[in-house]
Amino acid sequence: MAGTKASDAVTDETFMTLLRRHRLARGLTQTALAKRLKLKTPSTISYWESGQSLPSPQWIPKLARVLGVDAMELTRIIEPQSSNPGADAK
């Protein structure tokens, strides 16, 4: 696409696909990731990966640390999606 910046390519990936890709790359199940984040239930990870919900800002640094990604990368992806709730929900 003409005029597309390299930084725009980052936002082409949705949060749910990025989360799943990084979780699987680290060999983590949804349950294992939930435990590392000290979540009460792994269903939260399932909701995030299915696009039913997005993490609140408090989770961004924790997710970034556990997944080994830059928190700003997660923020850049989440912000456009959170301004259009339900855009990825089915």
PDB file of N, CA and C in Angstrom:
ATOM      1  N   MET A   1       0.852  -1.167   0.000  1.00  0.00           N
ATOM      2  CA  MET A   1       0.000   0.000   0.000  1.00  0.00           C
ATOM      3  C   MET A   1       0.900   1.232   0.000  1.00  0.00           C
ATOM      4  N   ALA A   2       0.660   2.141  -0.909  1.00  0.00           N
ATOM      5  CA  ALA A   2       1.479   3.342  -1.011  1.00  0.00           C
ATOM      6  C   ALA A   2       1.277   4.224   0.208  1.00  0.00           C
ATOM      7  N   GLY A   3       2.365   4.794   0.677  1.00  0.00           N
ATOM      8  CA  GLY A   3       2.285   5.719   1.803  1.00  0.00           C
ATOM      9  C   GLY A   3       2.229   5.051   3.159  1.00  0.00           C
ATOM     10  N   THR A   4       2.310   3.741   3.191  1.00  0.00           N
ATOM     11  CA  THR A   4       2.277   3.038   4.466  1.00  0.00           C
ATOM     12  C   THR A   4       3.642   3.137   5.133  1.00  0.00           C
ATOM     13  N   LYS A   5       3.669   3.595   6.357  1.00  0.00           N
ATOM     14  CA  LYS A   5       4.907   3.699   7.121  1.00  0.00           C
ATOM     15  C   LYS A   5       5.181   2.369   7.812  1.00  0.00           C
ATOM     16  N   ALA A   6       6.435   2.160   8.151  1.00  0.00           N
ATOM     17  CA  ALA A   6       6.799   0.937   8.868  1.00  0.00           C
ATOM     18  C   ALA A   6       6.033   0.836  10.171  1.00  0.00           C
ATOM     19  N   SER A   7       5.806   1.974  10.838  1.00  0.00           N
ATOM     20  CA  SER A   7       5.075   1.934  12.108  1.00  0.00           C
ATOM     21  C   SER A   7       3.616   1.543  11.906  1.00  0.00           C
ATOM     22  N   ASP A   8       3.063   1.809  10.708  1.00  0.00           N
ATOM     23  CA  ASP A   8       1.685   1.414  10.424  1.00  0.00           C
ATOM     24  C   ASP A   8       1.548  -0.103  10.358  1.00  0.00           C
ATOM     25  N   ALA A   9       2.616  -0.776   9.948  1.00  0.00           N
ATOM     26  CA  ALA A   9       2.574  -2.225   9.828  1.00  0.00           C
ATOM     27  C   ALA A   9       2.328  -2.873  11.180  1.00  0.00           C
ATOM     28  N   VAL A  10       2.820  -2.263  12.250  1.00  0.00           N
ATOM     29  CA  VAL A  10       2.624  -2.805  13.589  1.00  0.00           C
ATOM     30  C   VAL A  10       1.139  -2.855  13.920  1.00  0.00           C
ATOM     31  N   THR A  11       0.393  -1.839  13.530  1.00  0.00           N
ATOM     32  CA  THR A  11      -1.019  -1.780  13.884  1.00  0.00           C
ATOM     33  C   THR A  11      -1.879  -2.670  13.005  1.00  0.00           C
ATOM     34  N   ASP A  12      -1.300  -3.266  11.954  1.00  0.00           N
ATOM     35  CA  ASP A  12      -2.062  -4.180  11.115  1.00  0.00           C
ATOM     36  C   ASP A  12      -2.421  -5.456  11.875  1.00  0.00           C
ATOM     37  N   GLU A  13      -1.654  -5.784  12.887  1.00  0.00           N
ATOM     38  CA  GLU A  13      -1.921  -6.964  13.694  1.00  0.00           C
ATOM     39  C   GLU A  13      -2.842  -6.559  14.836  1.00  0.00           C
ATOM     40  N   THR A  14      -3.874  -7.338  15.065  1.00  0.00           N
ATOM     41  CA  THR A  14      -4.779  -7.035  16.168  1.00  0.00           C
ATOM     42  C   THR A  14      -4.153  -7.492  17.480  1.00  0.00           C
ATOM     43  N   PHE A  15      -4.654  -6.948  18.560  1.00  0.00           N
ATOM     44  CA  PHE A  15      -4.144  -7.345  19.866  1.00  0.00           C
ATOM     45  C   PHE A  15      -4.326  -8.838  20.074  1.00  0.00           C
ATOM     46  N   MET A  16      -5.494  -9.372  19.679  1.00  0.00           N
ATOM     47  CA  MET A  16      -5.754 -10.779  19.952  1.00  0.00           C
ATOM     48  C   MET A  16      -4.777 -11.693  19.199  1.00  0.00           C
ATOM     49  N   THR A  17      -4.406 -11.342  17.967  1.00  0.00           N
ATOM     50  CA  THR A  17      -3.456 -12.183  17.250  1.00  0.00           C
ATOM     51  C   THR A  17      -2.044 -12.021  17.805  1.00  0.00           C
ATOM     52  N   LEU A  18      -1.689 -10.805  18.195  1.00  0.00           N
ATOM     53  CA  LEU A  18      -0.375 -10.580  18.785  1.00  0.00           C
ATOM     54  C   LEU A  18      -0.237 -11.340  20.102  1.00  0.00           C
ATOM     55  N   LEU A  19      -1.251 -11.268  20.939  1.00  0.00           N
ATOM     56  CA  LEU A  19      -1.221 -11.960  22.225  1.00  0.00           C
ATOM     57  C   LEU A  19      -1.059 -13.461  22.021  1.00  0.00           C
ATOM     58  N   ARG A  20      -1.872 -14.020  21.156  1.00  0.00           N
ATOM     59  CA  ARG A  20      -1.812 -15.465  20.916  1.00  0.00           C
ATOM     60  C   ARG A  20      -0.454 -15.862  20.341  1.00  0.00           C
ATOM     61  N   ARG A  21       0.042 -15.111  19.372  1.00  0.00           N
ATOM     62  CA  ARG A  21       1.322 -15.419  18.738  1.00  0.00           C
ATOM     63  C   ARG A  21       2.454 -15.414  19.766  1.00  0.00           C
ATOM     64  N   HIS A  22       2.508 -14.389  20.597  1.00  0.00           N
ATOM     65  CA  HIS A  22       3.582 -14.306  21.599  1.00  0.00           C
ATOM     66  C   HIS A  22       3.404 -15.349  22.706  1.00  0.00           C
ATOM     67  N   ARG A  23       2.172 -15.625  23.078  1.00  0.00           N
ATOM     68  CA  ARG A  23       1.933 -16.651  24.104  1.00  0.00           C
ATOM     69  C   ARG A  23       2.419 -18.006  23.612  1.00  0.00           C
ATOM     70  N   LEU A  24       2.039 -18.352  22.386  1.00  0.00           N
ATOM     71  CA  LEU A  24       2.445 -19.640  21.829  1.00  0.00           C
ATOM     72  C   LEU A  24       3.952 -19.707  21.592  1.00  0.00           C
ATOM     73  N   ALA A  25       4.545 -18.590  21.185  1.00  0.00           N
ATOM     74  CA  ALA A  25       5.997 -18.557  20.961  1.00  0.00           C
ATOM     75  C   ALA A  25       6.766 -18.849  22.243  1.00  0.00           C
ATOM     76  N   ARG A  26       6.165 -18.536  23.372  1.00  0.00           N
ATOM     77  CA  ARG A  26       6.802 -18.798  24.659  1.00  0.00           C
ATOM     78  C   ARG A  26       6.362 -20.129  25.265  1.00  0.00           C
ATOM     79  N   GLY A  27       5.570 -20.875  24.502  1.00  0.00           N
ATOM     80  CA  GLY A  27       5.147 -22.192  24.957  1.00  0.00           C
ATOM     81  C   GLY A  27       4.174 -22.157  26.118  1.00  0.00           C
ATOM     82  N   LEU A  28       3.420 -21.074  26.221  1.00  0.00           N
ATOM     83  CA  LEU A  28       2.471 -20.923  27.327  1.00  0.00           C
ATOM     84  C   LEU A  28       1.053 -21.271  26.903  1.00  0.00           C
ATOM     85  N   THR A  29       0.367 -21.990  27.769  1.00  0.00           N
ATOM     86  CA  THR A  29      -1.064 -22.172  27.571  1.00  0.00           C
ATOM     87  C   THR A  29      -1.768 -20.929  28.106  1.00  0.00           C
ATOM     88  N   GLN A  30      -3.044 -20.809  27.827  1.00  0.00           N
ATOM     89  CA  GLN A  30      -3.804 -19.700  28.397  1.00  0.00           C
ATOM     90  C   GLN A  30      -3.775 -19.775  29.920  1.00  0.00           C
ATOM     91  N   THR A  31      -3.860 -20.975  30.456  1.00  0.00           N
ATOM     92  CA  THR A  31      -3.826 -21.169  31.907  1.00  0.00           C
ATOM     93  C   THR A  31      -2.481 -20.745  32.484  1.00  0.00           C
ATOM     94  N   ALA A  32      -1.387 -21.132  31.825  1.00  0.00           N
ATOM     95  CA  ALA A  32      -0.054 -20.766  32.309  1.00  0.00           C
ATOM     96  C   ALA A  32       0.150 -19.254  32.270  1.00  0.00           C
ATOM     97  N   LEU A  33      -0.320 -18.612  31.195  1.00  0.00           N
ATOM     98  CA  LEU A  33      -0.193 -17.160  31.112  1.00  0.00           C
ATOM     99  C   LEU A  33      -1.020 -16.496  32.206  1.00  0.00           C
ATOM    100  N   ALA A  34      -2.214 -16.982  32.429  1.00  0.00           N
ATOM    101  CA  ALA A  34      -3.068 -16.426  33.486  1.00  0.00           C
ATOM    102  C   ALA A  34      -2.393 -16.557  34.853  1.00  0.00           C
ATOM    103  N   LYS A  35      -1.756 -17.684  35.096  1.00  0.00           N
ATOM    104  CA  LYS A  35      -1.055 -17.879  36.371  1.00  0.00           C
ATOM    105  C   LYS A  35       0.102 -16.897  36.515  1.00  0.00           C
ATOM    106  N   ARG A  36       0.855 -16.701  35.436  1.00  0.00           N
ATOM    107  CA  ARG A  36       1.987 -15.761  35.500  1.00  0.00           C
ATOM    108  C   ARG A  36       1.515 -14.332  35.739  1.00  0.00           C
ATOM    109  N   LEU A  37       0.322 -14.025  35.237  1.00  0.00           N
ATOM    110  CA  LEU A  37      -0.239 -12.683  35.432  1.00  0.00           C
ATOM    111  C   LEU A  37      -1.003 -12.572  36.752  1.00  0.00           C
ATOM    112  N   LYS A  38      -1.128 -13.712  37.443  1.00  0.00           N
ATOM    113  CA  LYS A  38      -1.872 -13.780  38.707  1.00  0.00           C
ATOM    114  C   LYS A  38      -3.345 -13.412  38.519  1.00  0.00           C
ATOM    115  N   LEU A  39      -3.906 -13.891  37.407  1.00  0.00           N
ATOM    116  CA  LEU A  39      -5.339 -13.729  37.152  1.00  0.00           C
ATOM    117  C   LEU A  39      -6.090 -14.824  37.887  1.00  0.00           C
ATOM    118  N   LYS A  40      -7.307 -14.545  38.262  1.00  0.00           N
ATOM    119  CA  LYS A  40      -8.103 -15.543  38.983  1.00  0.00           C
ATOM    120  C   LYS A  40      -8.542 -16.676  38.066  1.00  0.00           C
ATOM    121  N   THR A  41      -8.728 -16.374  36.776  1.00  0.00           N
ATOM    122  CA  THR A  41      -9.222 -17.382  35.849  1.00  0.00           C
ATOM    123  C   THR A  41      -8.583 -17.214  34.473  1.00  0.00           C
ATOM    124  N   PRO A  42      -8.287 -18.325  33.796  1.00  0.00           N
ATOM    125  CA  PRO A  42      -7.711 -18.233  32.458  1.00  0.00           C
ATOM    126  C   PRO A  42      -8.717 -17.751  31.408  1.00  0.00           C
ATOM    127  N   SER A  43      -9.976 -17.677  31.766  1.00  0.00           N
ATOM    128  CA  SER A  43     -10.967 -17.221  30.790  1.00  0.00           C
ATOM    129  C   SER A  43     -10.702 -15.780  30.356  1.00  0.00           C
ATOM    130  N   THR A  44     -10.031 -15.004  31.190  1.00  0.00           N
ATOM    131  CA  THR A  44      -9.676 -13.638  30.815  1.00  0.00           C
ATOM    132  C   THR A  44      -8.777 -13.653  29.582  1.00  0.00           C
ATOM    133  N   ILE A  45      -7.804 -14.551  29.558  1.00  0.00           N
ATOM    134  CA  ILE A  45      -6.915 -14.673  28.399  1.00  0.00           C
ATOM    135  C   ILE A  45      -7.735 -15.080  27.178  1.00  0.00           C
ATOM    136  N   SER A  46      -8.654 -15.994  27.371  1.00  0.00           N
ATOM    137  CA  SER A  46      -9.520 -16.422  26.272  1.00  0.00           C
ATOM    138  C   SER A  46     -10.333 -15.256  25.716  1.00  0.00           C
ATOM    139  N   TYR A  47     -10.876 -14.426  26.596  1.00  0.00           N
ATOM    140  CA  TYR A  47     -11.633 -13.246  26.158  1.00  0.00           C
ATOM    141  C   TYR A  47     -10.751 -12.296  25.363  1.00  0.00           C
ATOM    142  N   TRP A  48      -9.530 -12.077  25.835  1.00  0.00           N
ATOM    143  CA  TRP A  48      -8.613 -11.186  25.134  1.00  0.00           C
ATOM    144  C   TRP A  48      -8.247 -11.743  23.768  1.00  0.00           C
ATOM    145  N   GLU A  49      -7.976 -13.060  23.701  1.00  0.00           N
ATOM    146  CA  GLU A  49      -7.559 -13.676  22.440  1.00  0.00           C
ATOM    147  C   GLU A  49      -8.705 -13.813  21.441  1.00  0.00           C
ATOM    148  N   SER A  50      -9.919 -13.839  21.916  1.00  0.00           N
ATOM    149  CA  SER A  50     -11.064 -13.956  21.006  1.00  0.00           C
ATOM    150  C   SER A  50     -11.613 -12.593  20.599  1.00  0.00           C
ATOM    151  N   GLY A  51     -11.084 -11.539  21.191  1.00  0.00           N
ATOM    152  CA  GLY A  51     -11.548 -10.199  20.862  1.00  0.00           C
ATOM    153  C   GLY A  51     -12.813  -9.787  21.590  1.00  0.00           C
ATOM    154  N   GLN A  52     -13.239 -10.587  22.569  1.00  0.00           N
ATOM    155  CA  GLN A  52     -14.441 -10.257  23.338  1.00  0.00           C
ATOM    156  C   GLN A  52     -14.194  -9.085  24.280  1.00  0.00           C
ATOM    157  N   SER A  53     -12.937  -8.899  24.670  1.00  0.00           N
ATOM    158  CA  SER A  53     -12.583  -7.775  25.532  1.00  0.00           C
ATOM    159  C   SER A  53     -11.108  -7.456  25.332  1.00  0.00           C
ATOM    160  N   LEU A  54     -10.718  -6.310  25.821  1.00  0.00           N
ATOM    161  CA  LEU A  54      -9.320  -5.888  25.787  1.00  0.00           C
ATOM    162  C   LEU A  54      -8.849  -5.665  27.218  1.00  0.00           C
ATOM    163  N   PRO A  55      -7.567  -5.857  27.461  1.00  0.00           N
ATOM    164  CA  PRO A  55      -7.064  -5.640  28.821  1.00  0.00           C
ATOM    165  C   PRO A  55      -7.114  -4.166  29.194  1.00  0.00           C
ATOM    166  N   SER A  56      -7.327  -3.908  30.468  1.00  0.00           N
ATOM    167  CA  SER A  56      -7.274  -2.529  30.950  1.00  0.00           C
ATOM    168  C   SER A  56      -5.804  -2.110  30.996  1.00  0.00           C
ATOM    169  N   PRO A  57      -5.562  -0.806  31.017  1.00  0.00           N
ATOM    170  CA  PRO A  57      -4.181  -0.306  30.975  1.00  0.00           C
ATOM    171  C   PRO A  57      -3.257  -0.889  32.050  1.00  0.00           C
ATOM    172  N   GLN A  58      -3.791  -1.257  33.193  1.00  0.00           N
ATOM    173  CA  GLN A  58      -2.949  -1.812  34.263  1.00  0.00           C
ATOM    174  C   GLN A  58      -2.264  -3.110  33.851  1.00  0.00           C
ATOM    175  N   TRP A  59      -2.827  -3.826  32.881  1.00  0.00           N
ATOM    176  CA  TRP A  59      -2.275  -5.109  32.466  1.00  0.00           C
ATOM    177  C   TRP A  59      -1.180  -4.982  31.412  1.00  0.00           C
ATOM    178  N   ILE A  60      -1.067  -3.843  30.763  1.00  0.00           N
ATOM    179  CA  ILE A  60      -0.112  -3.701  29.663  1.00  0.00           C
ATOM    180  C   ILE A  60       1.333  -3.968  30.101  1.00  0.00           C
ATOM    181  N   PRO A  61       1.834  -3.326  31.165  1.00  0.00           N
ATOM    182  CA  PRO A  61       3.221  -3.608  31.569  1.00  0.00           C
ATOM    183  C   PRO A  61       3.429  -5.068  31.990  1.00  0.00           C
ATOM    184  N   LYS A  62       2.440  -5.639  32.642  1.00  0.00           N
ATOM    185  CA  LYS A  62       2.553  -7.033  33.084  1.00  0.00           C
ATOM    186  C   LYS A  62       2.598  -7.974  31.886  1.00  0.00           C
ATOM    187  N   LEU A  63       1.696  -7.748  30.924  1.00  0.00           N
ATOM    188  CA  LEU A  63       1.685  -8.569  29.714  1.00  0.00           C
ATOM    189  C   LEU A  63       2.996  -8.427  28.950  1.00  0.00           C
ATOM    190  N   ALA A  64       3.457  -7.210  28.811  1.00  0.00           N
ATOM    191  CA  ALA A  64       4.701  -6.961  28.081  1.00  0.00           C
ATOM    192  C   ALA A  64       5.859  -7.710  28.719  1.00  0.00           C
ATOM    193  N   ARG A  65       5.933  -7.656  30.039  1.00  0.00           N
ATOM    194  CA  ARG A  65       7.022  -8.327  30.758  1.00  0.00           C
ATOM    195  C   ARG A  65       6.962  -9.844  30.551  1.00  0.00           C
ATOM    196  N   VAL A  66       5.795 -10.425  30.735  1.00  0.00           N
ATOM    197  CA  VAL A  66       5.652 -11.878  30.627  1.00  0.00           C
ATOM    198  C   VAL A  66       5.875 -12.353  29.188  1.00  0.00           C
ATOM    199  N   LEU A  67       5.387 -11.573  28.218  1.00  0.00           N
ATOM    200  CA  LEU A  67       5.509 -11.986  26.823  1.00  0.00           C
ATOM    201  C   LEU A  67       6.821 -11.555  26.171  1.00  0.00           C
ATOM    202  N   GLY A  68       7.577 -10.705  26.870  1.00  0.00           N
ATOM    203  CA  GLY A  68       8.841 -10.255  26.317  1.00  0.00           C
ATOM    204  C   GLY A  68       8.681  -9.309  25.141  1.00  0.00           C
ATOM    205  N   VAL A  69       7.644  -8.471  25.196  1.00  0.00           N
ATOM    206  CA  VAL A  69       7.416  -7.486  24.136  1.00  0.00           C
ATOM    207  C   VAL A  69       7.449  -6.081  24.730  1.00  0.00           C
ATOM    208  N   ASP A  70       7.552  -5.116  23.869  1.00  0.00           N
ATOM    209  CA  ASP A  70       7.571  -3.723  24.281  1.00  0.00           C
ATOM    210  C   ASP A  70       6.159  -3.284  24.663  1.00  0.00           C
ATOM    211  N   ALA A  71       6.014  -2.660  25.816  1.00  0.00           N
ATOM    212  CA  ALA A  71       4.703  -2.189  26.270  1.00  0.00           C
ATOM    213  C   ALA A  71       4.100  -1.192  25.290  1.00  0.00           C
ATOM    214  N   MET A  72       4.938  -0.383  24.659  1.00  0.00           N
ATOM    215  CA  MET A  72       4.427   0.585  23.687  1.00  0.00           C
ATOM    216  C   MET A  72       3.836  -0.112  22.464  1.00  0.00           C
ATOM    217  N   GLU A  73       4.406  -1.249  22.085  1.00  0.00           N
ATOM    218  CA  GLU A  73       3.857  -2.017  20.964  1.00  0.00           C
ATOM    219  C   GLU A  73       2.433  -2.466  21.301  1.00  0.00           C
ATOM    220  N   LEU A  74       2.249  -2.970  22.514  1.00  0.00           N
ATOM    221  CA  LEU A  74       0.910  -3.385  22.935  1.00  0.00           C
ATOM    222  C   LEU A  74      -0.044  -2.201  22.982  1.00  0.00           C
ATOM    223  N   THR A  75       0.420  -1.087  23.501  1.00  0.00           N
ATOM    224  CA  THR A  75      -0.413   0.106  23.612  1.00  0.00           C
ATOM    225  C   THR A  75      -0.843   0.602  22.235  1.00  0.00           C
ATOM    226  N   ARG A  76       0.097   0.626  21.282  1.00  0.00           N
ATOM    227  CA  ARG A  76      -0.233   1.086  19.922  1.00  0.00           C
ATOM    228  C   ARG A  76      -1.310   0.221  19.294  1.00  0.00           C
ATOM    229  N   ILE A  77      -1.315  -1.046  19.618  1.00  0.00           N
ATOM    230  CA  ILE A  77      -2.302  -1.954  19.039  1.00  0.00           C
ATOM    231  C   ILE A  77      -3.634  -1.842  19.770  1.00  0.00           C
ATOM    232  N   ILE A  78      -3.598  -1.733  21.083  1.00  0.00           N
ATOM    233  CA  ILE A  78      -4.829  -1.700  21.872  1.00  0.00           C
ATOM    234  C   ILE A  78      -5.589  -0.394  21.706  1.00  0.00           C
ATOM    235  N   GLU A  79      -4.903   0.737  21.687  1.00  0.00           N
ATOM    236  CA  GLU A  79      -5.590   2.031  21.661  1.00  0.00           C
ATOM    237  C   GLU A  79      -6.579   2.175  20.510  1.00  0.00           C
ATOM    238  N   PRO A  80      -6.213   1.878  19.252  1.00  0.00           N
ATOM    239  CA  PRO A  80      -7.208   2.019  18.181  1.00  0.00           C
ATOM    240  C   PRO A  80      -8.390   1.066  18.356  1.00  0.00           C
ATOM    241  N   GLN A  81      -8.138  -0.126  18.890  1.00  0.00           N
ATOM    242  CA  GLN A  81      -9.210  -1.096  19.084  1.00  0.00           C
ATOM    243  C   GLN A  81     -10.135  -0.684  20.215  1.00  0.00           C
ATOM    244  N   SER A  82      -9.585  -0.079  21.263  1.00  0.00           N
ATOM    245  CA  SER A  82     -10.420   0.303  22.399  1.00  0.00           C
ATOM    246  C   SER A  82     -11.286   1.516  22.071  1.00  0.00           C
ATOM    247  N   SER A  83     -10.875   2.308  21.065  1.00  0.00           N
ATOM    248  CA  SER A  83     -11.700   3.443  20.679  1.00  0.00           C
ATOM    249  C   SER A  83     -12.861   3.015  19.796  1.00  0.00           C
ATOM    250  N   ASN A  84     -12.823   1.765  19.343  1.00  0.00           N
ATOM    251  CA  ASN A  84     -13.894   1.216  18.527  1.00  0.00           C
ATOM    252  C   ASN A  84     -14.304  -0.133  19.111  1.00  0.00           C
ATOM    253  N   PRO A  85     -14.941  -0.130  20.295  1.00  0.00           N
ATOM    254  CA  PRO A  85     -15.279  -1.383  20.961  1.00  0.00           C
ATOM    255  C   PRO A  85     -16.180  -2.236  20.078  1.00  0.00           C
ATOM    256  N   GLY A  86     -15.882  -3.530  20.080  1.00  0.00           N
ATOM    257  CA  GLY A  86     -16.687  -4.452  19.297  1.00  0.00           C
ATOM    258  C   GLY A  86     -16.226  -4.559  17.865  1.00  0.00           C
ATOM    259  N   ALA A  87     -15.194  -3.826  17.472  1.00  0.00           N
ATOM    260  CA  ALA A  87     -14.715  -3.873  16.103  1.00  0.00           C
ATOM    261  C   ALA A  87     -14.252  -5.282  15.737  1.00  0.00           C
ATOM    262  N   ASP A  88     -13.622  -5.967  16.682  1.00  0.00           N
ATOM    263  CA  ASP A  88     -13.150  -7.310  16.421  1.00  0.00           C
ATOM    264  C   ASP A  88     -14.028  -8.381  17.063  1.00  0.00           C
ATOM    265  N   ALA A  89     -14.991  -7.970  17.841  1.00  0.00           N
ATOM    266  CA  ALA A  89     -15.861  -8.942  18.516  1.00  0.00           C
ATOM    267  C   ALA A  89     -16.819  -9.544  17.515  1.00  0.00           C
ATOM    268  N   LYS A  90     -17.143 -10.805  17.737  1.00  0.00           N
ATOM    269  CA  LYS A  90     -18.056 -11.496  16.822  1.00  0.00           C
ATOM    270  C   LYS A  90     -19.370 -11.741  17.500  1.00  0.00           C
TER     271      LYS A  90
END
